Structure formats: C-alpha cells, structure tokens
C-alpha cells in the first residue's frame, strides 16, 4: 500500500491506497483547514473518546409527527380574521374558495394539528 505525500493536485496530502483505489486521505486546504476523507465506513472499536456532546441513537429527538387534524373557520368569508395555532400545534393546510370574479380568492379556514415528539424514548 503506497503512501503519497504532497500530491500536487491537493496541497499537503497524505493518502493511503492500493491497486483498487484509495482508502483514506488527509489534506490541508489553502485556508489552513484540514479534511480527512474515508472511502468506506469508519467503525470504532472503542467509543470512549466520545463525550456528552454526541447523542446516542436512543437520546434526543427520534421522531416527529402531526396528531389529529383540527379545523378553524371564522364562519364567514366576508369578515377579516386572524388565527394563531395553539402552543405545540402547527398549521397543516388552508381551505380556499374561488370567488369566481376578478378578485382575490377567500381563505375560508385553516387546518392545524398538534406536533408530537418522541424524545429519549418517550
């Protein structure tokens, strides 16, 4: 497995490869940042060097979904109205009616749903 140092196409590069291609390479960019690239998957045998900044798959947000759909309408499209979804809810749609004239369409109402989160398995 040859090791190539300072490849002219990439500044200050260390590359490891074989006849099938490269395995990994490291390079220093012109802005002095460093890139380490692996052609495959890195599987550590010991994750002892990971600290609390990194979440395990069972921690943090695992799933987000909308709950049961609800609908709000002011009852008439001839009035001005305002709607703010309740805390923990998100707008999921609008009901629009065509006025059939050369004017703007009317918003008849809005659909909203509670946001359900799965955090730390609960």
PDB file of N, CA and C in Angstrom:
ATOM      1  N   UNK A   1       0.838  -1.176   0.000  1.00  0.00           N
ATOM      2  CA  UNK A   1       0.000   0.000   0.000  1.00  0.00           C
ATOM      3  C   UNK A   1       0.883   1.240   0.000  1.00  0.00           C
ATOM      4  N   UNK A   2       0.942   1.937  -1.097  1.00  0.00           N
ATOM      5  CA  UNK A   2       1.794   3.127  -1.151  1.00  0.00           C
ATOM      6  C   UNK A   2       1.185   4.285  -0.372  1.00  0.00           C
ATOM      7  N   UNK A   3       2.039   5.091   0.188  1.00  0.00           N
ATOM      8  CA  UNK A   3       1.629   6.321   0.853  1.00  0.00           C
ATOM      9  C   UNK A   3       2.170   7.473   0.017  1.00  0.00           C
ATOM     10  N   UNK A   4       1.300   8.378  -0.400  1.00  0.00           N
ATOM     11  CA  UNK A   4       1.688   9.515  -1.232  1.00  0.00           C
ATOM     12  C   UNK A   4       1.654  10.770  -0.378  1.00  0.00           C
ATOM     13  N   UNK A   5       2.742  11.486  -0.335  1.00  0.00           N
ATOM     14  CA  UNK A   5       2.801  12.738   0.407  1.00  0.00           C
ATOM     15  C   UNK A   5       2.879  13.900  -0.569  1.00  0.00           C
ATOM     16  N   UNK A   6       2.184  14.958  -0.261  1.00  0.00           N
ATOM     17  CA  UNK A   6       2.222  16.202  -1.035  1.00  0.00           C
ATOM     18  C   UNK A   6       1.880  15.992  -2.502  1.00  0.00           C
ATOM     19  N   UNK A   7       0.759  15.375  -2.766  1.00  0.00           N
ATOM     20  CA  UNK A   7       0.260  15.232  -4.132  1.00  0.00           C
ATOM     21  C   UNK A   7       0.048  16.627  -4.699  1.00  0.00           C
ATOM     22  N   UNK A   8       0.593  16.939  -5.876  1.00  0.00           N
ATOM     23  CA  UNK A   8       0.477  18.315  -6.386  1.00  0.00           C
ATOM     24  C   UNK A   8      -0.954  18.754  -6.682  1.00  0.00           C
ATOM     25  N   UNK A   9      -1.889  17.808  -6.895  1.00  0.00           N
ATOM     26  CA  UNK A   9      -3.269  18.216  -7.171  1.00  0.00           C
ATOM     27  C   UNK A   9      -4.025  18.595  -5.901  1.00  0.00           C
ATOM     28  N   UNK A  10      -3.505  18.243  -4.747  1.00  0.00           N
ATOM     29  CA  UNK A  10      -4.111  18.611  -3.462  1.00  0.00           C
ATOM     30  C   UNK A  10      -2.985  19.031  -2.528  1.00  0.00           C
ATOM     31  N   UNK A  11      -3.089  20.184  -1.874  1.00  0.00           N
ATOM     32  CA  UNK A  11      -1.984  20.657  -1.034  1.00  0.00           C
ATOM     33  C   UNK A  11      -1.788  19.790   0.207  1.00  0.00           C
ATOM     34  N   UNK A  12      -0.544  19.455   0.485  1.00  0.00           N
ATOM     35  CA  UNK A  12      -0.105  18.723   1.669  1.00  0.00           C
ATOM     36  C   UNK A  12      -1.024  17.540   1.954  1.00  0.00           C
ATOM     37  N   UNK A  13      -0.966  16.535   1.105  1.00  0.00           N
ATOM     38  CA  UNK A  13      -1.860  15.386   1.201  1.00  0.00           C
ATOM     39  C   UNK A  13      -1.103  14.164   1.667  1.00  0.00           C
ATOM     40  N   UNK A  14      -1.713  13.399   2.547  1.00  0.00           N
ATOM     41  CA  UNK A  14      -1.255  12.054   2.880  1.00  0.00           C
ATOM     42  C   UNK A  14      -2.366  11.121   2.424  1.00  0.00           C
ATOM     43  N   UNK A  15      -2.031  10.150   1.578  1.00  0.00           N
ATOM     44  CA  UNK A  15      -3.043   9.280   1.000  1.00  0.00           C
ATOM     45  C   UNK A  15      -2.615   7.827   1.159  1.00  0.00           C
ATOM     46  N   UNK A  16      -3.564   6.960   1.482  1.00  0.00           N
ATOM     47  CA  UNK A  16      -3.297   5.533   1.598  1.00  0.00           C
ATOM     48  C   UNK A  16      -4.231   4.808   0.652  1.00  0.00           C
ATOM     49  N   UNK A  17      -3.677   3.962  -0.198  1.00  0.00           N
ATOM     50  CA  UNK A  17      -4.499   3.234  -1.152  1.00  0.00           C
ATOM     51  C   UNK A  17      -3.805   1.971  -1.606  1.00  0.00           C
ATOM     52  N   UNK A  18      -4.469   1.220  -2.465  1.00  0.00           N
ATOM     53  CA  UNK A  18      -3.888   0.028  -3.069  1.00  0.00           C
ATOM     54  C   UNK A  18      -4.285  -0.014  -4.536  1.00  0.00           C
ATOM     55  N   UNK A  19      -4.125  -1.155  -5.193  1.00  0.00           N
ATOM     56  CA  UNK A  19      -4.427  -1.251  -6.618  1.00  0.00           C
ATOM     57  C   UNK A  19      -5.898  -1.004  -6.934  1.00  0.00           C
ATOM     58  N   UNK A  20      -6.788  -1.172  -5.954  1.00  0.00           N
ATOM     59  CA  UNK A  20      -8.224  -0.971  -6.169  1.00  0.00           C
ATOM     60  C   UNK A  20      -8.657   0.475  -5.986  1.00  0.00           C
ATOM     61  N   UNK A  21      -7.811   1.315  -5.432  1.00  0.00           N
ATOM     62  CA  UNK A  21      -8.168   2.712  -5.205  1.00  0.00           C
ATOM     63  C   UNK A  21      -7.674   3.189  -3.859  1.00  0.00           C
ATOM     64  N   UNK A  22      -8.128   4.364  -3.472  1.00  0.00           N
ATOM     65  CA  UNK A  22      -7.674   4.931  -2.212  1.00  0.00           C
ATOM     66  C   UNK A  22      -8.547   4.467  -1.057  1.00  0.00           C
ATOM     67  N   UNK A  23      -7.955   4.397   0.146  1.00  0.00           N
ATOM     68  CA  UNK A  23      -8.675   4.035   1.375  1.00  0.00           C
ATOM     69  C   UNK A  23      -9.049   5.295   2.156  1.00  0.00           C
ATOM     70  N   UNK A  24      -8.065   6.162   2.371  1.00  0.00           N
ATOM     71  CA  UNK A  24      -8.336   7.439   3.025  1.00  0.00           C
ATOM     72  C   UNK A  24      -7.274   8.438   2.591  1.00  0.00           C
ATOM     73  N   UNK A  25      -7.606   9.710   2.766  1.00  0.00           N
ATOM     74  CA  UNK A  25      -6.601  10.738   2.558  1.00  0.00           C
ATOM     75  C   UNK A  25      -6.890  11.909   3.478  1.00  0.00           C
ATOM     76  N   UNK A  26      -5.839  12.651   3.757  1.00  0.00           N
ATOM     77  CA  UNK A  26      -5.927  13.842   4.585  1.00  0.00           C
ATOM     78  C   UNK A  26      -5.258  14.971   3.819  1.00  0.00           C
ATOM     79  N   UNK A  27      -5.850  16.130   3.870  1.00  0.00           N
ATOM     80  CA  UNK A  27      -5.255  17.267   3.170  1.00  0.00           C
ATOM     81  C   UNK A  27      -5.445  18.540   3.972  1.00  0.00           C
ATOM     82  N   UNK A  28      -4.509  19.462   3.775  1.00  0.00           N
ATOM     83  CA  UNK A  28      -4.636  20.798   4.349  1.00  0.00           C
ATOM     84  C   UNK A  28      -5.026  21.733   3.219  1.00  0.00           C
ATOM     85  N   UNK A  29      -6.129  22.425   3.387  1.00  0.00           N
ATOM     86  CA  UNK A  29      -6.641  23.321   2.360  1.00  0.00           C
ATOM     87  C   UNK A  29      -5.915  24.664   2.396  1.00  0.00           C
ATOM     88  N   UNK A  30      -6.048  25.460   1.337  1.00  0.00           N
ATOM     89  CA  UNK A  30      -5.403  26.775   1.317  1.00  0.00           C
ATOM     90  C   UNK A  30      -5.819  27.673   2.486  1.00  0.00           C
ATOM     91  N   UNK A  31      -7.043  27.474   3.041  1.00  0.00           N
ATOM     92  CA  UNK A  31      -7.475  28.286   4.187  1.00  0.00           C
ATOM     93  C   UNK A  31      -6.971  27.709   5.508  1.00  0.00           C
ATOM     94  N   UNK A  32      -6.090  26.699   5.449  1.00  0.00           N
ATOM     95  CA  UNK A  32      -5.455  26.051   6.595  1.00  0.00           C
ATOM     96  C   UNK A  32      -6.366  25.059   7.318  1.00  0.00           C
ATOM     97  N   UNK A  33      -7.580  24.811   6.817  1.00  0.00           N
ATOM     98  CA  UNK A  33      -8.431  23.778   7.400  1.00  0.00           C
ATOM     99  C   UNK A  33      -7.942  22.406   6.940  1.00  0.00           C
ATOM    100  N   UNK A  34      -8.314  21.365   7.671  1.00  0.00           N
ATOM    101  CA  UNK A  34      -7.873  20.007   7.367  1.00  0.00           C
ATOM    102  C   UNK A  34      -9.081  19.154   7.031  1.00  0.00           C
ATOM    103  N   UNK A  35      -8.962  18.336   5.993  1.00  0.00           N
ATOM    104  CA  UNK A  35     -10.012  17.412   5.577  1.00  0.00           C
ATOM    105  C   UNK A  35      -9.468  15.998   5.703  1.00  0.00           C
ATOM    106  N   UNK A  36     -10.235  15.121   6.333  1.00  0.00           N
ATOM    107  CA  UNK A  36      -9.889  13.700   6.416  1.00  0.00           C
ATOM    108  C   UNK A  36     -11.038  12.935   5.789  1.00  0.00           C
ATOM    109  N   UNK A  37     -10.791  12.224   4.700  1.00  0.00           N
ATOM    110  CA  UNK A  37     -11.836  11.546   3.947  1.00  0.00           C
ATOM    111  C   UNK A  37     -11.564  10.052   3.916  1.00  0.00           C
ATOM    112  N   UNK A  38     -12.614   9.267   4.148  1.00  0.00           N
ATOM    113  CA  UNK A  38     -12.515   7.809   4.142  1.00  0.00           C
ATOM    114  C   UNK A  38     -13.395   7.275   3.029  1.00  0.00           C
ATOM    115  N   UNK A  39     -12.878   6.350   2.250  1.00  0.00           N
ATOM    116  CA  UNK A  39     -13.638   5.711   1.184  1.00  0.00           C
ATOM    117  C   UNK A  39     -14.274   4.448   1.759  1.00  0.00           C
ATOM    118  N   UNK A  40     -15.342   4.606   2.514  1.00  0.00           N
ATOM    119  CA  UNK A  40     -15.995   3.488   3.191  1.00  0.00           C
ATOM    120  C   UNK A  40     -16.595   3.955   4.496  1.00  0.00           C
ATOM    121  N   UNK A  41     -16.627   3.083   5.475  1.00  0.00           N
ATOM    122  CA  UNK A  41     -17.249   3.376   6.761  1.00  0.00           C
ATOM    123  C   UNK A  41     -16.213   3.268   7.865  1.00  0.00           C
ATOM    124  N   UNK A  42     -16.255   4.187   8.828  1.00  0.00           N
ATOM    125  CA  UNK A  42     -15.377   4.145   9.988  1.00  0.00           C
ATOM    126  C   UNK A  42     -16.147   3.500  11.129  1.00  0.00           C
ATOM    127  N   UNK A  43     -15.612   2.421  11.684  1.00  0.00           N
ATOM    128  CA  UNK A  43     -16.266   1.710  12.780  1.00  0.00           C
ATOM    129  C   UNK A  43     -15.286   1.650  13.949  1.00  0.00           C
ATOM    130  N   UNK A  44     -15.437   2.529  14.947  1.00  0.00           N
ATOM    131  CA  UNK A  44     -14.509   2.496  16.080  1.00  0.00           C
ATOM    132  C   UNK A  44     -14.763   1.280  16.965  1.00  0.00           C
ATOM    133  N   UNK A  45     -13.688   0.698  17.460  1.00  0.00           N
ATOM    134  CA  UNK A  45     -13.813  -0.431  18.382  1.00  0.00           C
ATOM    135  C   UNK A  45     -14.111   0.040  19.796  1.00  0.00           C
ATOM    136  N   UNK A  46     -13.777   1.299  20.092  1.00  0.00           N
ATOM    137  CA  UNK A  46     -13.983   1.846  21.423  1.00  0.00           C
ATOM    138  C   UNK A  46     -14.505   3.265  21.259  1.00  0.00           C
ATOM    139  N   UNK A  47     -15.672   3.559  21.838  1.00  0.00           N
ATOM    140  CA  UNK A  47     -16.214   4.917  21.726  1.00  0.00           C
ATOM    141  C   UNK A  47     -15.942   5.735  22.986  1.00  0.00           C
ATOM    142  N   UNK A  48     -14.919   5.358  23.734  1.00  0.00           N
ATOM    143  CA  UNK A  48     -14.579   6.056  24.966  1.00  0.00           C
ATOM    144  C   UNK A  48     -14.159   7.496  24.761  1.00  0.00           C
ATOM    145  N   UNK A  49     -13.739   7.848  23.542  1.00  0.00           N
ATOM    146  CA  UNK A  49     -13.328   9.227  23.302  1.00  0.00           C
ATOM    147  C   UNK A  49     -14.498  10.142  22.955  1.00  0.00           C
ATOM    148  N   UNK A  50     -15.706   9.605  22.861  1.00  0.00           N
ATOM    149  CA  UNK A  50     -16.883  10.434  22.637  1.00  0.00           C
ATOM    150  C   UNK A  50     -17.370  10.965  23.978  1.00  0.00           C
ATOM    151  N   UNK A  51     -17.810  12.194  23.995  1.00  0.00           N
ATOM    152  CA  UNK A  51     -18.284  12.771  25.247  1.00  0.00           C
ATOM    153  C   UNK A  51     -19.757  13.152  25.134  1.00  0.00           C
ATOM    154  N   UNK A  52     -20.245  13.905  26.094  1.00  0.00           N
ATOM    155  CA  UNK A  52     -21.674  14.220  26.192  1.00  0.00           C
ATOM    156  C   UNK A  52     -22.174  15.101  25.047  1.00  0.00           C
ATOM    157  N   UNK A  53     -21.271  15.661  24.234  1.00  0.00           N
ATOM    158  CA  UNK A  53     -21.728  16.484  23.108  1.00  0.00           C
ATOM    159  C   UNK A  53     -22.390  15.649  22.029  1.00  0.00           C
ATOM    160  N   UNK A  54     -22.117  14.356  22.004  1.00  0.00           N
ATOM    161  CA  UNK A  54     -22.644  13.485  20.962  1.00  0.00           C
ATOM    162  C   UNK A  54     -23.765  12.633  21.529  1.00  0.00           C
ATOM    163  N   UNK A  55     -24.897  12.631  20.860  1.00  0.00           N
ATOM    164  CA  UNK A  55     -26.059  11.873  21.319  1.00  0.00           C
ATOM    165  C   UNK A  55     -26.029  10.453  20.769  1.00  0.00           C
ATOM    166  N   UNK A  56     -26.445   9.507  21.610  1.00  0.00           N
ATOM    167  CA  UNK A  56     -26.641   8.144  21.139  1.00  0.00           C
ATOM    168  C   UNK A  56     -27.962   8.077  20.391  1.00  0.00           C
ATOM    169  N   UNK A  57     -28.182   7.023  19.648  1.00  0.00           N
ATOM    170  CA  UNK A  57     -29.419   6.900  18.870  1.00  0.00           C
ATOM    171  C   UNK A  57     -30.662   6.888  19.747  1.00  0.00           C
ATOM    172  N   UNK A  58     -30.533   6.530  20.997  1.00  0.00           N
ATOM    173  CA  UNK A  58     -31.693   6.480  21.894  1.00  0.00           C
ATOM    174  C   UNK A  58     -31.907   7.803  22.618  1.00  0.00           C
ATOM    175  N   UNK A  59     -31.072   8.804  22.356  1.00  0.00           N
ATOM    176  CA  UNK A  59     -31.204  10.098  23.018  1.00  0.00           C
ATOM    177  C   UNK A  59     -31.635  11.160  22.013  1.00  0.00           C
ATOM    178  N   UNK A  60     -32.173  12.239  22.528  1.00  0.00           N
ATOM    179  CA  UNK A  60     -32.584  13.330  21.658  1.00  0.00           C
ATOM    180  C   UNK A  60     -33.900  13.027  20.961  1.00  0.00           C
ATOM    181  N   UNK A  61     -34.205  13.791  19.928  1.00  0.00           N
ATOM    182  CA  UNK A  61     -35.452  13.631  19.179  1.00  0.00           C
ATOM    183  C   UNK A  61     -35.293  12.478  18.191  1.00  0.00           C
ATOM    184  N   UNK A  62     -36.145  11.451  18.318  1.00  0.00           N
ATOM    185  CA  UNK A  62     -36.100  10.320  17.387  1.00  0.00           C
ATOM    186  C   UNK A  62     -37.193  10.391  16.334  1.00  0.00           C
ATOM    187  N   UNK A  63     -38.305  11.065  16.634  1.00  0.00           N
ATOM    188  CA  UNK A  63     -39.407  11.084  15.681  1.00  0.00           C
ATOM    189  C   UNK A  63     -40.268  12.312  15.946  1.00  0.00           C
ATOM    190  N   UNK A  64     -40.811  12.873  14.887  1.00  0.00           N
ATOM    191  CA  UNK A  64     -41.746  13.993  14.977  1.00  0.00           C
ATOM    192  C   UNK A  64     -42.886  13.687  14.019  1.00  0.00           C
ATOM    193  N   UNK A  65     -44.111  13.921  14.478  1.00  0.00           N
ATOM    194  CA  UNK A  65     -45.263  13.709  13.596  1.00  0.00           C
ATOM    195  C   UNK A  65     -46.400  14.617  14.044  1.00  0.00           C
ATOM    196  N   UNK A  66     -47.349  14.807  13.144  1.00  0.00           N
ATOM    197  CA  UNK A  66     -48.553  15.556  13.474  1.00  0.00           C
ATOM    198  C   UNK A  66     -49.595  14.617  14.053  1.00  0.00           C
ATOM    199  N   UNK A  67     -50.404  15.131  14.983  1.00  0.00           N
ATOM    200  CA  UNK A  67     -51.517  14.379  15.547  1.00  0.00           C
ATOM    201  C   UNK A  67     -52.800  14.642  14.772  1.00  0.00           C
ATOM    202  N   UNK A  68     -53.930  14.460  15.446  1.00  0.00           N
ATOM    203  CA  UNK A  68     -55.263  14.573  14.851  1.00  0.00           C
ATOM    204  C   UNK A  68     -55.490  15.965  14.265  1.00  0.00           C
ATOM    205  N   UNK A  69     -56.051  16.018  13.060  1.00  0.00           N
ATOM    206  CA  UNK A  69     -56.288  17.290  12.375  1.00  0.00           C
ATOM    207  C   UNK A  69     -57.504  18.017  12.941  1.00  0.00           C
ATOM    208  N   UNK A  70     -57.366  19.337  13.112  1.00  0.00           N
ATOM    209  CA  UNK A  70     -58.459  20.197  13.557  1.00  0.00           C
ATOM    210  C   UNK A  70     -58.644  21.311  12.529  1.00  0.00           C
ATOM    211  N   UNK A  71     -59.780  21.972  12.590  1.00  0.00           N
ATOM    212  CA  UNK A  71     -60.104  22.988  11.596  1.00  0.00           C
ATOM    213  C   UNK A  71     -60.645  24.220  12.298  1.00  0.00           C
ATOM    214  N   UNK A  72     -60.205  25.389  11.846  1.00  0.00           N
ATOM    215  CA  UNK A  72     -60.748  26.644  12.356  1.00  0.00           C
ATOM    216  C   UNK A  72     -61.290  27.445  11.184  1.00  0.00           C
ATOM    217  N   UNK A  73     -62.500  27.981  11.359  1.00  0.00           N
ATOM    218  CA  UNK A  73     -63.110  28.860  10.368  1.00  0.00           C
ATOM    219  C   UNK A  73     -63.842  29.966  11.107  1.00  0.00           C
ATOM    220  N   UNK A  74     -63.750  31.197  10.625  1.00  0.00           N
ATOM    221  CA  UNK A  74     -64.469  32.281  11.288  1.00  0.00           C
ATOM    222  C   UNK A  74     -65.974  32.216  11.057  1.00  0.00           C
ATOM    223  N   UNK A  75     -66.425  31.313  10.185  1.00  0.00           N
ATOM    224  CA  UNK A  75     -67.855  31.163   9.937  1.00  0.00           C
ATOM    225  C   UNK A  75     -68.346  31.900   8.717  1.00  0.00           C
ATOM    226  N   UNK A  76     -67.592  32.874   8.284  1.00  0.00           N
ATOM    227  CA  UNK A  76     -67.995  33.644   7.106  1.00  0.00           C
ATOM    228  C   UNK A  76     -66.739  34.159   6.432  1.00  0.00           C
ATOM    229  N   UNK A  77     -66.733  34.171   5.128  1.00  0.00           N
ATOM    230  CA  UNK A  77     -65.564  34.709   4.437  1.00  0.00           C
ATOM    231  C   UNK A  77     -65.722  36.194   4.117  1.00  0.00           C
ATOM    232  N   UNK A  78     -66.714  36.820   4.717  1.00  0.00           N
ATOM    233  CA  UNK A  78     -66.927  38.256   4.495  1.00  0.00           C
ATOM    234  C   UNK A  78     -66.324  39.095   5.616  1.00  0.00           C
ATOM    235  N   UNK A  79     -65.680  38.454   6.580  1.00  0.00           N
ATOM    236  CA  UNK A  79     -65.073  39.179   7.696  1.00  0.00           C
ATOM    237  C   UNK A  79     -63.560  39.005   7.648  1.00  0.00           C
ATOM    238  N   UNK A  80     -62.861  39.991   8.165  1.00  0.00           N
ATOM    239  CA  UNK A  80     -61.415  39.845   8.341  1.00  0.00           C
ATOM    240  C   UNK A  80     -61.195  39.021   9.597  1.00  0.00           C
ATOM    241  N   UNK A  81     -60.228  38.158   9.572  1.00  0.00           N
ATOM    242  CA  UNK A  81     -59.993  37.305  10.734  1.00  0.00           C
ATOM    243  C   UNK A  81     -58.516  36.974  10.860  1.00  0.00           C
ATOM    244  N   UNK A  82     -58.178  36.525  12.047  1.00  0.00           N
ATOM    245  CA  UNK A  82     -56.799  36.176  12.364  1.00  0.00           C
ATOM    246  C   UNK A  82     -56.821  34.907  13.189  1.00  0.00           C
ATOM    247  N   UNK A  83     -55.857  34.026  12.953  1.00  0.00           N
ATOM    248  CA  UNK A  83     -55.774  32.778  13.712  1.00  0.00           C
ATOM    249  C   UNK A  83     -54.316  32.487  14.039  1.00  0.00           C
ATOM    250  N   UNK A  84     -54.061  32.176  15.289  1.00  0.00           N
ATOM    251  CA  UNK A  84     -52.748  31.708  15.731  1.00  0.00           C
ATOM    252  C   UNK A  84     -52.936  30.301  16.271  1.00  0.00           C
ATOM    253  N   UNK A  85     -52.182  29.362  15.755  1.00  0.00           N
ATOM    254  CA  UNK A  85     -52.297  27.979  16.225  1.00  0.00           C
ATOM    255  C   UNK A  85     -51.932  27.917  17.700  1.00  0.00           C
ATOM    256  N   UNK A  86     -52.615  27.067  18.472  1.00  0.00           N
ATOM    257  CA  UNK A  86     -52.282  26.929  19.888  1.00  0.00           C
ATOM    258  C   UNK A  86     -50.840  26.457  20.074  1.00  0.00           C
ATOM    259  N   UNK A  87     -50.312  26.692  21.244  1.00  0.00           N
ATOM    260  CA  UNK A  87     -48.958  26.254  21.563  1.00  0.00           C
ATOM    261  C   UNK A  87     -48.817  24.759  21.303  1.00  0.00           C
ATOM    262  N   UNK A  88     -47.737  24.363  20.656  1.00  0.00           N
ATOM    263  CA  UNK A  88     -47.497  22.957  20.366  1.00  0.00           C
ATOM    264  C   UNK A  88     -48.182  22.457  19.114  1.00  0.00           C
ATOM    265  N   UNK A  89     -48.846  23.345  18.382  1.00  0.00           N
ATOM    266  CA  UNK A  89     -49.553  22.972  17.154  1.00  0.00           C
ATOM    267  C   UNK A  89     -48.897  23.658  15.954  1.00  0.00           C
ATOM    268  N   UNK A  90     -49.128  23.108  14.780  1.00  0.00           N
ATOM    269  CA  UNK A  90     -48.623  23.697  13.548  1.00  0.00           C
ATOM    270  C   UNK A  90     -49.711  23.737  12.497  1.00  0.00           C
ATOM    271  N   UNK A  91     -49.690  24.768  11.665  1.00  0.00           N
ATOM    272  CA  UNK A  91     -50.659  24.856  10.570  1.00  0.00           C
ATOM    273  C   UNK A  91     -50.324  23.790   9.532  1.00  0.00           C
ATOM    274  N   UNK A  92     -51.345  23.074   9.067  1.00  0.00           N
ATOM    275  CA  UNK A  92     -51.107  21.989   8.108  1.00  0.00           C
ATOM    276  C   UNK A  92     -51.856  22.182   6.797  1.00  0.00           C
ATOM    277  N   UNK A  93     -52.689  23.204   6.686  1.00  0.00           N
ATOM    278  CA  UNK A  93     -53.397  23.423   5.429  1.00  0.00           C
ATOM    279  C   UNK A  93     -54.325  24.612   5.502  1.00  0.00           C
ATOM    280  N   UNK A  94     -54.878  24.966   4.340  1.00  0.00           N
ATOM    281  CA  UNK A  94     -55.826  26.075   4.253  1.00  0.00           C
ATOM    282  C   UNK A  94     -56.971  25.673   3.345  1.00  0.00           C
ATOM    283  N   UNK A  95     -58.154  26.179   3.645  1.00  0.00           N
ATOM    284  CA  UNK A  95     -59.320  25.982   2.777  1.00  0.00           C
ATOM    285  C   UNK A  95     -59.528  27.281   2.011  1.00  0.00           C
ATOM    286  N   UNK A  96     -59.479  27.198   0.699  1.00  0.00           N
ATOM    287  CA  UNK A  96     -59.597  28.367  -0.168  1.00  0.00           C
ATOM    288  C   UNK A  96     -60.852  28.223  -1.019  1.00  0.00           C
ATOM    289  N   UNK A  97     -61.603  29.313  -1.157  1.00  0.00           N
ATOM    290  CA  UNK A  97     -62.761  29.277  -2.060  1.00  0.00           C
ATOM    291  C   UNK A  97     -62.537  30.272  -3.191  1.00  0.00           C
ATOM    292  N   UNK A  98     -62.861  29.834  -4.379  1.00  0.00           N
ATOM    293  CA  UNK A  98     -62.730  30.665  -5.572  1.00  0.00           C
ATOM    294  C   UNK A  98     -63.910  31.629  -5.608  1.00  0.00           C
ATOM    295  N   UNK A  99     -63.622  32.918  -5.735  1.00  0.00           N
ATOM    296  CA  UNK A  99     -64.701  33.906  -5.741  1.00  0.00           C
ATOM    297  C   UNK A  99     -65.404  33.970  -7.088  1.00  0.00           C
ATOM    298  N   UNK A 100     -64.759  33.468  -8.135  1.00  0.00           N
ATOM    299  CA  UNK A 100     -65.381  33.481  -9.454  1.00  0.00           C
ATOM    300  C   UNK A 100     -65.370  34.839 -10.107  1.00  0.00           C
ATOM    301  N   UNK A 101     -64.770  35.814  -9.463  1.00  0.00           N
ATOM    302  CA  UNK A 101     -64.701  37.157 -10.027  1.00  0.00           C
ATOM    303  C   UNK A 101     -63.236  37.541 -10.177  1.00  0.00           C
ATOM    304  N   UNK A 102     -63.006  38.696 -10.701  1.00  0.00           N
ATOM    305  CA  UNK A 102     -61.639  39.191 -10.847  1.00  0.00           C
ATOM    306  C   UNK A 102     -61.167  39.812  -9.537  1.00  0.00           C
ATOM    307  N   UNK A 103     -61.134  39.001  -8.497  1.00  0.00           N
ATOM    308  CA  UNK A 103     -60.655  39.466  -7.198  1.00  0.00           C
ATOM    309  C   UNK A 103     -59.912  38.313  -6.534  1.00  0.00           C
ATOM    310  N   UNK A 104     -59.353  38.604  -5.407  1.00  0.00           N
ATOM    311  CA  UNK A 104     -58.592  37.577  -4.688  1.00  0.00           C
ATOM    312  C   UNK A 104     -59.525  36.489  -4.172  1.00  0.00           C
ATOM    313  N   UNK A 105     -59.015  35.268  -4.104  1.00  0.00           N
ATOM    314  CA  UNK A 105     -59.790  34.173  -3.520  1.00  0.00           C
ATOM    315  C   UNK A 105     -59.910  34.375  -2.018  1.00  0.00           C
ATOM    316  N   UNK A 106     -60.862  33.712  -1.411  1.00  0.00           N
ATOM    317  CA  UNK A 106     -61.093  33.834   0.025  1.00  0.00           C
ATOM    318  C   UNK A 106     -60.490  32.646   0.770  1.00  0.00           C
ATOM    319  N   UNK A 107     -59.919  32.930   1.932  1.00  0.00           N
ATOM    320  CA  UNK A 107     -59.459  31.875   2.833  1.00  0.00           C
ATOM    321  C   UNK A 107     -60.619  31.574   3.771  1.00  0.00           C
ATOM    322  N   UNK A 108     -61.198  30.386   3.620  1.00  0.00           N
ATOM    323  CA  UNK A 108     -62.356  30.001   4.434  1.00  0.00           C
ATOM    324  C   UNK A 108     -61.967  29.529   5.825  1.00  0.00           C
ATOM    325  N   UNK A 109     -60.788  28.956   5.946  1.00  0.00           N
ATOM    326  CA  UNK A 109     -60.357  28.441   7.239  1.00  0.00           C
ATOM    327  C   UNK A 109     -58.981  27.819   7.132  1.00  0.00           C
ATOM    328  N   UNK A 110     -58.476  27.353   8.262  1.00  0.00           N
ATOM    329  CA  UNK A 110     -57.151  26.724   8.308  1.00  0.00           C
ATOM    330  C   UNK A 110     -57.230  25.405   9.063  1.00  0.00           C
ATOM    331  N   UNK A 111     -56.377  24.483   8.667  1.00  0.00           N
ATOM    332  CA  UNK A 111     -56.230  23.199   9.356  1.00  0.00           C
ATOM    333  C   UNK A 111     -54.982  23.265  10.221  1.00  0.00           C
ATOM    334  N   UNK A 112     -55.060  22.678  11.391  1.00  0.00           N
ATOM    335  CA  UNK A 112     -53.897  22.652  12.278  1.00  0.00           C
ATOM    336  C   UNK A 112     -53.878  21.338  13.044  1.00  0.00           C
ATOM    337  N   UNK A 113     -52.697  20.968  13.496  1.00  0.00           N
ATOM    338  CA  UNK A 113     -52.513  19.686  14.184  1.00  0.00           C
ATOM    339  C   UNK A 113     -51.521  19.858  15.329  1.00  0.00           C
ATOM    340  N   UNK A 114     -51.678  19.059  16.396  1.00  0.00           N
ATOM    341  CA  UNK A 114     -50.658  19.076  17.444  1.00  0.00           C
ATOM    342  C   UNK A 114     -49.387  18.388  16.943  1.00  0.00           C
ATOM    343  N   UNK A 115     -48.269  18.901  17.344  1.00  0.00           N
ATOM    344  CA  UNK A 115     -46.985  18.308  16.998  1.00  0.00           C
ATOM    345  C   UNK A 115     -46.615  17.310  18.087  1.00  0.00           C
ATOM    346  N   UNK A 116     -46.364  16.076  17.699  1.00  0.00           N
ATOM    347  CA  UNK A 116     -45.999  15.027  18.651  1.00  0.00           C
ATOM    348  C   UNK A 116     -44.533  14.688  18.458  1.00  0.00           C
ATOM    349  N   UNK A 117     -43.774  14.681  19.568  1.00  0.00           N
ATOM    350  CA  UNK A 117     -42.342  14.414  19.510  1.00  0.00           C
ATOM    351  C   UNK A 117     -42.021  13.166  20.316  1.00  0.00           C
ATOM    352  N   UNK A 118     -41.053  12.408  19.833  1.00  0.00           N
ATOM    353  CA  UNK A 118     -40.524  11.271  20.578  1.00  0.00           C
ATOM    354  C   UNK A 118     -39.120  11.658  21.010  1.00  0.00           C
ATOM    355  N   UNK A 119     -38.970  11.927  22.310  1.00  0.00           N
ATOM    356  CA  UNK A 119     -37.690  12.365  22.846  1.00  0.00           C
ATOM    357  C   UNK A 119     -37.231  11.370  23.899  1.00  0.00           C
ATOM    358  N   UNK A 120     -36.003  10.905  23.765  1.00  0.00           N
ATOM    359  CA  UNK A 120     -35.413   9.954  24.715  1.00  0.00           C
ATOM    360  C   UNK A 120     -36.305   8.751  24.952  1.00  0.00           C
ATOM    361  N   UNK A 121     -36.981   8.292  23.908  1.00  0.00           N
ATOM    362  CA  UNK A 121     -37.787   7.082  24.004  1.00  0.00           C
ATOM    363  C   UNK A 121     -39.170   7.274  24.587  1.00  0.00           C
ATOM    364  N   UNK A 122     -39.562   8.524  24.920  1.00  0.00           N
ATOM    365  CA  UNK A 122     -40.909   8.745  25.474  1.00  0.00           C
ATOM    366  C   UNK A 122     -41.648   9.784  24.660  1.00  0.00           C
TER     367      UNK A 122
END
